[in-house]
């Protein structure tokens, strides 16, 4: 196993649980365009995000939209060059919240959720698989649900041989219970879902684990 893959396995999950990937195929440009359409129709960028939109600083793919003093709960770039980040923010009273941010770095973000200072919160859920597992951070607006995920799925069950884990990170967008699109992160510099930070900055409920169609 390469050093990069070993680091991903260690960084993505807690000691006893590997998180991430069921071998989904890379999305097409058309599929990625559809998530923008769904996002634009479902959730608008809060007006209070204007200041943040014009305060974009230099970032790497691994930190994405998160500033230097914000914990990176998740971050990756899609094929369209748009970056998804979930960053930890704190209110003046010290309340901690995870915020979803989406768009092309260096330009105003297309979507921020929840609005800073609002009461809405992302939900963190996880599930173990045989030889792997999955972590999700999700939120809904109307009948549209956004699910950021990190997965690890065992692909080799031959006794005595390596598990050959398949790793994937990305975002599912559901319309009602139906999967509208599933976009997989395209860059190698991914910050997968951080279990400890997700537990700290989002509401944890494994009952909220999303399985499309159920």
Protein backbone atom coordinates (compact mmCIF):
# COMPACT_ATOMS: atom_id res chain seq x y z
CA UNK A 1 0.00 0.00 0.00
CA UNK A 2 1.35 3.43 -0.92
CA UNK A 3 2.23 6.04 1.70
CA UNK A 4 -0.58 8.26 0.38
CA UNK A 5 -3.20 5.54 0.76
CA UNK A 6 -1.90 4.63 4.22
CA UNK A 7 -2.23 8.26 5.29
CA UNK A 8 -5.79 8.41 3.92
CA UNK A 9 -6.79 5.31 5.86
CA UNK A 10 -5.31 6.67 9.07
CA UNK A 11 -6.60 10.22 8.72
CA UNK A 12 -10.13 9.46 7.63
CA UNK A 13 -11.29 7.33 10.53
CA UNK A 14 -11.17 6.48 14.19
CA UNK A 15 -8.99 3.64 15.44
CA UNK A 16 -11.46 0.77 14.94
CA UNK A 17 -13.30 1.93 11.80
CA UNK A 18 -12.10 2.48 8.27
CA UNK A 19 -14.29 4.84 6.27
CA UNK A 20 -14.95 5.13 2.56
CA UNK A 21 -15.64 3.85 -1.00
CA UNK A 22 -17.99 1.52 -2.85
CA UNK A 23 -16.38 1.63 -6.27
CA UNK A 24 -18.78 4.13 -7.86
CA UNK A 25 -17.71 5.30 -11.29
CA UNK A 26 -16.46 8.82 -11.83
CA UNK A 27 -19.28 11.23 -12.70
CA UNK A 28 -19.67 12.79 -16.14
CA UNK A 29 -19.66 16.53 -16.81
CA UNK A 30 -23.40 16.29 -17.36
CA UNK A 31 -23.91 14.75 -13.93
CA UNK A 32 -21.84 17.45 -12.31
CA UNK A 33 -23.84 20.14 -14.06
CA UNK A 34 -26.99 18.61 -12.64
CA UNK A 35 -25.86 19.03 -9.05
CA UNK A 36 -25.33 22.74 -9.70
CA UNK A 37 -28.85 22.94 -11.09
CA UNK A 38 -30.32 21.18 -8.07
CA UNK A 39 -28.24 23.28 -5.68
CA UNK A 40 -29.19 26.52 -7.33
CA UNK A 41 -32.86 25.66 -7.31
CA UNK A 42 -32.95 24.40 -3.74
CA UNK A 43 -30.80 26.70 -1.64
CA UNK A 44 -29.74 30.30 -2.18
CA UNK A 45 -26.56 31.88 -0.85
CA UNK A 46 -27.33 33.79 2.38
CA UNK A 47 -26.95 37.55 2.16
CA UNK A 48 -24.73 37.55 5.24
CA UNK A 49 -22.19 35.52 3.27
CA UNK A 50 -21.27 38.55 1.16
CA UNK A 51 -18.41 39.61 3.41
CA UNK A 52 -17.01 36.10 3.45
CA UNK A 53 -17.36 35.92 -0.33
CA UNK A 54 -15.01 38.88 -0.74
CA UNK A 55 -12.56 37.68 1.88
CA UNK A 56 -11.31 34.63 -0.02
CA UNK A 57 -7.73 33.88 0.99
CA UNK A 58 -5.03 31.69 -0.50
CA UNK A 59 -5.88 28.04 0.07
CA UNK A 60 -4.77 24.59 -1.03
CA UNK A 61 -7.08 21.83 -2.20
CA UNK A 62 -6.74 20.14 1.19
CA UNK A 63 -8.10 23.15 3.10
CA UNK A 64 -10.46 24.36 0.39
CA UNK A 65 -12.81 27.08 1.62
CA UNK A 66 -11.69 26.81 5.24
CA UNK A 67 -9.54 29.66 6.55
CA UNK A 68 -6.34 29.08 8.49
CA UNK A 69 -8.11 29.27 11.87
CA UNK A 70 -11.05 27.02 10.91
CA UNK A 71 -10.89 23.24 11.41
CA UNK A 72 -11.22 21.33 8.12
CA UNK A 73 -13.93 18.71 8.66
CA UNK A 74 -14.00 17.75 4.97
CA UNK A 75 -12.68 19.21 1.71
CA UNK A 76 -12.20 18.12 -1.89
CA UNK A 77 -12.36 19.36 -5.47
CA UNK A 78 -14.79 18.02 -8.07
CA UNK A 79 -14.13 17.47 -11.76
CA UNK A 80 -15.65 20.88 -12.51
CA UNK A 81 -12.91 22.52 -10.37
CA UNK A 82 -15.54 23.44 -7.81
CA UNK A 83 -14.56 22.75 -4.23
CA UNK A 84 -16.71 21.35 -1.46
CA UNK A 85 -15.56 22.14 2.07
CA UNK A 86 -17.11 21.66 5.48
CA UNK A 87 -15.44 23.99 7.96
CA UNK A 88 -15.76 24.40 11.71
CA UNK A 89 -16.94 27.85 12.80
CA UNK A 90 -17.66 29.34 16.21
CA UNK A 91 -20.11 32.02 17.27
CA UNK A 92 -19.22 34.88 19.59
CA UNK A 93 -20.65 32.80 22.44
CA UNK A 94 -18.33 29.89 21.57
CA UNK A 95 -21.01 27.67 20.00
CA UNK A 96 -19.45 25.34 17.40
CA UNK A 97 -21.09 24.66 14.04
CA UNK A 98 -20.08 22.92 10.81
CA UNK A 99 -20.66 24.98 7.65
CA UNK A 100 -20.92 23.61 4.09
CA UNK A 101 -19.28 25.76 1.40
CA UNK A 102 -19.33 25.18 -2.37
CA UNK A 103 -17.92 26.89 -5.44
CA UNK A 104 -14.73 27.76 -7.32
CA UNK A 105 -11.96 28.97 -5.04
CA UNK A 106 -11.07 32.62 -5.66
CA UNK A 107 -14.66 33.47 -6.60
CA UNK A 108 -17.64 34.17 -4.34
CA UNK A 109 -19.01 30.87 -2.97
CA UNK A 110 -22.15 29.61 -4.69
CA UNK A 111 -23.57 28.09 -1.53
CA UNK A 112 -22.99 28.43 2.21
CA UNK A 113 -25.08 26.39 4.67
CA UNK A 114 -26.07 27.08 7.37
CA UNK A 115 -25.99 30.86 7.46
CA UNK A 116 -23.53 32.12 10.07
CA UNK A 117 -25.35 32.72 13.34
CA UNK A 118 -28.34 30.60 12.30
CA UNK A 119 -29.77 27.69 14.28
CA UNK A 120 -29.57 25.07 11.49
CA UNK A 121 -26.92 22.40 11.83
CA UNK A 122 -25.42 19.63 9.72
CA UNK A 123 -25.98 16.02 10.80
CA UNK A 124 -23.13 13.54 11.19
CA UNK A 125 -23.82 9.83 10.73
CA UNK A 126 -21.64 6.76 10.21
CA UNK A 127 -22.01 3.07 9.48
CA UNK A 128 -19.51 0.17 9.59
CA UNK A 129 -19.00 -2.16 6.62
CA UNK A 130 -17.12 -5.45 6.46
CA UNK A 131 -13.53 -4.26 6.29
CA UNK A 132 -14.53 -0.61 5.97
CA UNK A 133 -17.22 1.95 6.70
CA UNK A 134 -18.80 5.24 5.72
CA UNK A 135 -19.12 8.68 7.31
CA UNK A 136 -21.70 11.24 6.17
CA UNK A 137 -22.41 14.91 6.83
CA UNK A 138 -25.80 15.99 5.53
CA UNK A 139 -28.37 18.78 5.44
CA UNK A 140 -31.72 19.33 3.72
CA UNK A 141 -33.57 22.24 2.17
CA UNK A 142 -37.14 21.44 1.23
CA UNK A 143 -37.14 18.01 -0.43
CA UNK A 144 -33.48 18.25 -1.49
CA UNK A 145 -30.82 16.58 0.68
CA UNK A 146 -27.06 17.03 0.34
CA UNK A 147 -24.88 14.19 1.67
CA UNK A 148 -21.10 14.60 1.81
CA UNK A 149 -19.43 11.23 2.36
CA UNK A 150 -16.17 9.35 2.83
CA UNK A 151 -16.22 5.59 2.25
CA UNK A 152 -13.92 2.59 2.42
CA UNK A 153 -15.19 -0.74 1.09
CA UNK A 154 -13.32 -4.02 1.15
CA UNK A 155 -13.05 -5.52 -2.34
CA UNK A 156 -11.04 -8.71 -1.69
CA UNK A 157 -12.40 -11.39 0.63
CA UNK A 158 -9.86 -14.12 -0.21
CA UNK A 159 -8.41 -15.51 3.07
CA UNK A 160 -4.83 -14.50 3.67
CA UNK A 161 -4.81 -11.79 1.01
CA UNK A 162 -4.99 -7.96 1.42
CA UNK A 163 -8.44 -6.35 1.71
CA UNK A 164 -7.73 -4.10 -1.30
CA UNK A 165 -9.96 -1.32 0.04
CA UNK A 166 -11.78 0.91 -2.46
CA UNK A 167 -11.77 4.50 -1.24
CA UNK A 168 -14.09 7.27 -2.40
CA UNK A 169 -15.19 10.69 -1.23
CA UNK A 170 -17.88 12.91 -2.71
CA UNK A 171 -21.41 14.26 -2.46
CA UNK A 172 -24.80 12.73 -3.14
CA UNK A 173 -27.77 14.97 -3.91
CA UNK A 174 -31.20 13.46 -3.32
CA UNK A 175 -34.56 14.74 -4.49
CA UNK A 176 -36.94 13.29 -1.95
CA UNK A 177 -35.54 9.79 -1.41
CA UNK A 178 -34.32 9.38 -4.99
CA UNK A 179 -30.66 9.91 -5.89
CA UNK A 180 -30.38 12.87 -8.28
CA UNK A 181 -26.60 12.67 -8.68
CA UNK A 182 -23.47 11.31 -7.00
CA UNK A 183 -20.28 13.31 -7.60
CA UNK A 184 -16.94 11.80 -6.64
CA UNK A 185 -13.95 13.95 -5.67
CA UNK A 186 -11.52 14.06 -8.58
CA UNK A 187 -8.32 15.35 -7.00
CA UNK A 188 -5.86 13.33 -4.93
CA UNK A 189 -5.51 16.02 -2.25
CA UNK A 190 -8.66 15.14 -0.30
CA UNK A 191 -9.38 15.88 3.35
CA UNK A 192 -11.86 13.06 4.16
CA UNK A 193 -14.53 13.34 6.84
CA UNK A 194 -12.81 13.81 10.19
CA UNK A 195 -14.75 11.77 12.76
CA UNK A 196 -13.67 13.74 15.82
CA UNK A 197 -14.32 17.15 14.29
CA UNK A 198 -17.64 16.03 12.78
CA UNK A 199 -18.77 14.80 16.19
CA UNK A 200 -17.73 18.11 17.72
CA UNK A 201 -19.22 20.53 15.18
CA UNK A 202 -22.31 18.69 13.88
CA UNK A 203 -25.29 16.90 15.43
CA UNK A 204 -24.54 13.19 15.58
CA UNK A 205 -27.27 10.69 14.71
CA UNK A 206 -26.44 7.35 13.10
CA UNK A 207 -30.19 6.92 12.56
CA UNK A 208 -29.88 9.73 10.00
CA UNK A 209 -27.51 7.67 7.80
CA UNK A 210 -28.71 8.17 4.21
CA UNK A 211 -29.27 5.24 1.86
CA UNK A 212 -30.77 6.44 -1.43
CA UNK A 213 -34.20 5.01 -2.08
CA UNK A 214 -34.86 4.14 1.57
